[in-house]
């Protein structure tokens, strides 16, 4: 139910974005860019809230849907982290695939580090690198399995993603918690 609420929230934000962009067409491309950036920052903040909810569930707490919005202030930093992570992984992939896979695995947990309280972007990347040290093969197999799992969810007209994405986030939350205990 919570994943449906989260999906409807993001869908509602997207609809609002489109309405605002269409209504403000006379303001030009700058308006379009600013509104889309605001949307991406909002979604990034909601993603941090989702990760925090998953961490709470993993710890045995009972979070509410409202908890999704408690970390919206981290949206700009989380979006910057996602962009940095994507840039590093893509450059690494272009350099012979192996460096890209290495970077993707090494820093895959930065979002969980940020949601767990490390709000400094560089420190969350460093913490992810510490957690993943010595566990790269383990993380590789988990991420490959989750990729296949989500590909199967997407193959069902995308409807399976309503199940596979939340389960994947919960699985990565368990991985993060397990590695942070070591």
Protein backbone atom coordinates (compact mmCIF):
# COMPACT_ATOMS: atom_id res chain seq x y z
CA UNK A 1 0.00 0.00 0.00
CA UNK A 2 2.81 2.40 0.88
CA UNK A 3 4.49 1.87 -2.50
CA UNK A 4 1.20 2.74 -4.21
CA UNK A 5 0.91 5.91 -2.11
CA UNK A 6 4.48 6.83 -2.99
CA UNK A 7 3.87 6.19 -6.68
CA UNK A 8 0.70 8.31 -6.61
CA UNK A 9 2.61 11.10 -4.85
CA UNK A 10 5.31 11.15 -7.52
CA UNK A 11 2.68 10.87 -10.26
CA UNK A 12 0.79 13.80 -8.72
CA UNK A 13 4.00 15.84 -8.59
CA UNK A 14 4.68 15.01 -12.22
CA UNK A 15 1.16 16.08 -13.25
CA UNK A 16 1.61 19.31 -11.28
CA UNK A 17 4.95 19.84 -13.03
CA UNK A 18 3.38 19.45 -16.44
CA UNK A 19 0.55 21.84 -15.59
CA UNK A 20 2.99 24.46 -14.27
CA UNK A 21 5.30 24.06 -17.28
CA UNK A 22 2.46 24.35 -19.78
CA UNK A 23 0.92 27.31 -17.95
CA UNK A 24 4.29 29.05 -17.82
CA UNK A 25 5.34 28.51 -21.42
CA UNK A 26 5.48 32.25 -21.98
CA UNK A 27 8.39 32.43 -19.51
CA UNK A 28 10.56 30.35 -21.85
CA UNK A 29 13.19 27.70 -21.41
CA UNK A 30 14.47 29.05 -18.10
CA UNK A 31 11.05 28.40 -16.53
CA UNK A 32 11.05 24.88 -17.98
CA UNK A 33 14.53 24.15 -16.57
CA UNK A 34 13.76 25.58 -13.12
CA UNK A 35 10.49 23.66 -12.79
CA UNK A 36 12.05 20.37 -13.88
CA UNK A 37 14.95 20.89 -11.50
CA UNK A 38 12.48 21.56 -8.68
CA UNK A 39 10.64 18.35 -9.58
CA UNK A 40 13.88 16.32 -9.57
CA UNK A 41 14.87 17.78 -6.20
CA UNK A 42 11.44 16.91 -4.77
CA UNK A 43 11.64 13.33 -6.07
CA UNK A 44 15.18 12.99 -4.69
CA UNK A 45 13.93 14.16 -1.28
CA UNK A 46 11.10 11.62 -1.44
CA UNK A 47 13.64 8.93 -2.33
CA UNK A 48 15.65 9.78 0.80
CA UNK A 49 12.42 9.50 2.78
CA UNK A 50 11.76 6.10 1.20
CA UNK A 51 15.24 4.91 2.15
CA UNK A 52 14.73 6.19 5.70
CA UNK A 53 11.41 4.33 5.91
CA UNK A 54 13.09 1.13 4.70
CA UNK A 55 15.83 1.57 7.32
CA UNK A 56 13.15 2.03 9.98
CA UNK A 57 11.33 -1.10 8.81
CA UNK A 58 14.59 -3.03 8.91
CA UNK A 59 15.08 -1.85 12.50
CA UNK A 60 11.59 -3.05 13.48
CA UNK A 61 9.92 0.37 13.68
CA UNK A 62 6.56 1.24 12.15
CA UNK A 63 7.05 4.29 9.94
CA UNK A 64 4.14 6.22 8.47
CA UNK A 65 3.61 7.61 4.99
CA UNK A 66 4.27 11.10 6.38
CA UNK A 67 7.84 9.99 7.15
CA UNK A 68 8.46 10.04 3.40
CA UNK A 69 8.51 13.83 3.50
CA UNK A 70 10.69 14.41 6.56
CA UNK A 71 13.90 14.45 4.55
CA UNK A 72 12.93 16.72 1.66
CA UNK A 73 15.72 19.12 2.63
CA UNK A 74 18.24 16.45 1.61
CA UNK A 75 16.79 16.42 -1.93
CA UNK A 76 19.38 18.73 -3.52
CA UNK A 77 22.32 16.84 -1.99
CA UNK A 78 20.84 13.45 -2.84
CA UNK A 79 20.19 14.55 -6.44
CA UNK A 80 23.77 15.82 -6.67
CA UNK A 81 24.96 12.49 -5.30
CA UNK A 82 22.89 10.56 -7.81
CA UNK A 83 24.28 12.67 -10.65
CA UNK A 84 27.86 12.23 -9.40
CA UNK A 85 27.35 8.48 -8.98
CA UNK A 86 25.91 8.18 -12.50
CA UNK A 87 28.71 10.27 -13.99
CA UNK A 88 31.43 8.20 -12.26
CA UNK A 89 29.84 4.91 -13.30
CA UNK A 90 29.32 5.96 -16.92
CA UNK A 91 32.86 7.30 -17.26
CA UNK A 92 34.13 4.07 -15.72
CA UNK A 93 32.06 1.99 -18.12
CA UNK A 94 33.43 3.95 -21.05
CA UNK A 95 36.96 3.23 -19.82
CA UNK A 96 36.64 -0.55 -20.28
CA UNK A 97 33.55 -1.61 -18.33
CA UNK A 98 35.44 -2.98 -15.30
CA UNK A 99 36.18 0.46 -13.75
CA UNK A 100 32.51 1.40 -14.14
CA UNK A 101 31.33 -1.76 -12.44
CA UNK A 102 33.91 -1.21 -9.68
CA UNK A 103 32.73 2.38 -9.06
CA UNK A 104 29.07 1.36 -9.21
CA UNK A 105 29.61 -1.35 -6.61
CA UNK A 106 31.91 0.68 -4.38
CA UNK A 107 29.49 3.57 -4.03
CA UNK A 108 26.16 1.74 -4.41
CA UNK A 109 25.23 2.33 -0.77
CA UNK A 110 25.79 6.10 -0.63
CA UNK A 111 22.04 6.78 -0.54
CA UNK A 112 21.55 4.54 2.47
CA UNK A 113 24.49 6.22 4.20
CA UNK A 114 22.84 9.59 3.58
CA UNK A 115 19.42 8.40 4.75
CA UNK A 116 20.99 6.88 7.86
CA UNK A 117 22.28 10.27 8.96
CA UNK A 118 25.45 11.06 7.02
CA UNK A 119 24.19 14.20 5.30
CA UNK A 120 27.57 15.26 3.91
CA UNK A 121 27.70 13.99 0.33
CA UNK A 122 31.43 13.24 0.24
CA UNK A 123 31.27 11.49 3.62
CA UNK A 124 28.34 9.35 2.46
CA UNK A 125 30.40 8.23 -0.55
CA UNK A 126 33.37 7.49 1.74
CA UNK A 127 31.12 5.54 4.11
CA UNK A 128 29.77 3.52 1.18
CA UNK A 129 33.32 2.74 0.09
CA UNK A 130 34.16 1.56 3.62
CA UNK A 131 31.07 -0.64 3.82
CA UNK A 132 31.63 -2.21 0.42
CA UNK A 133 35.34 -2.93 0.98
CA UNK A 134 35.89 -6.67 0.67
CA UNK A 135 32.27 -7.27 -0.36
CA UNK A 136 32.43 -6.37 -4.03
CA UNK A 137 31.65 -9.86 -5.39
CA UNK A 138 28.80 -10.21 -2.89
CA UNK A 139 27.37 -6.84 -3.97
CA UNK A 140 27.86 -7.68 -7.63
CA UNK A 141 25.77 -10.84 -7.38
CA UNK A 142 23.06 -9.09 -5.38
CA UNK A 143 22.83 -6.20 -7.84
CA UNK A 144 22.80 -8.56 -10.84
CA UNK A 145 20.01 -10.59 -9.23
CA UNK A 146 18.04 -7.40 -8.46
CA UNK A 147 18.55 -6.17 -12.03
CA UNK A 148 17.14 -9.42 -13.41
CA UNK A 149 14.30 -9.32 -10.86
CA UNK A 150 13.36 -5.76 -11.89
CA UNK A 151 13.71 -6.60 -15.59
CA UNK A 152 11.16 -9.36 -15.06
CA UNK A 153 8.90 -6.88 -13.27
CA UNK A 154 9.25 -4.44 -16.16
CA UNK A 155 8.47 -7.15 -18.69
CA UNK A 156 4.98 -7.48 -17.23
CA UNK A 157 3.86 -4.21 -18.84
CA UNK A 158 5.78 -2.40 -16.12
CA UNK A 159 3.17 -3.37 -13.55
CA UNK A 160 5.51 -5.83 -11.88
CA UNK A 161 7.73 -2.90 -10.91
CA UNK A 162 5.16 -1.99 -8.24
CA UNK A 163 6.30 -5.15 -6.50
CA UNK A 164 9.91 -5.57 -7.60
CA UNK A 165 11.16 -2.04 -6.89
CA UNK A 166 9.99 -1.87 -3.25
CA UNK A 167 11.32 -5.40 -2.67
CA UNK A 168 14.63 -4.43 -4.24
CA UNK A 169 14.94 -1.37 -2.01
CA UNK A 170 14.13 -3.50 1.04
CA UNK A 171 16.72 -6.06 -0.04
CA UNK A 172 19.39 -3.38 -0.42
CA UNK A 173 18.35 -1.98 2.96
CA UNK A 174 18.99 -5.37 4.52
CA UNK A 175 22.36 -5.53 2.75
CA UNK A 176 23.25 -2.07 4.03
CA UNK A 177 22.25 -2.93 7.60
CA UNK A 178 24.17 -6.19 7.46
CA UNK A 179 27.33 -4.50 6.16
CA UNK A 180 27.05 -1.65 8.66
CA UNK A 181 27.03 -4.20 11.50
CA UNK A 182 30.29 -5.82 10.38
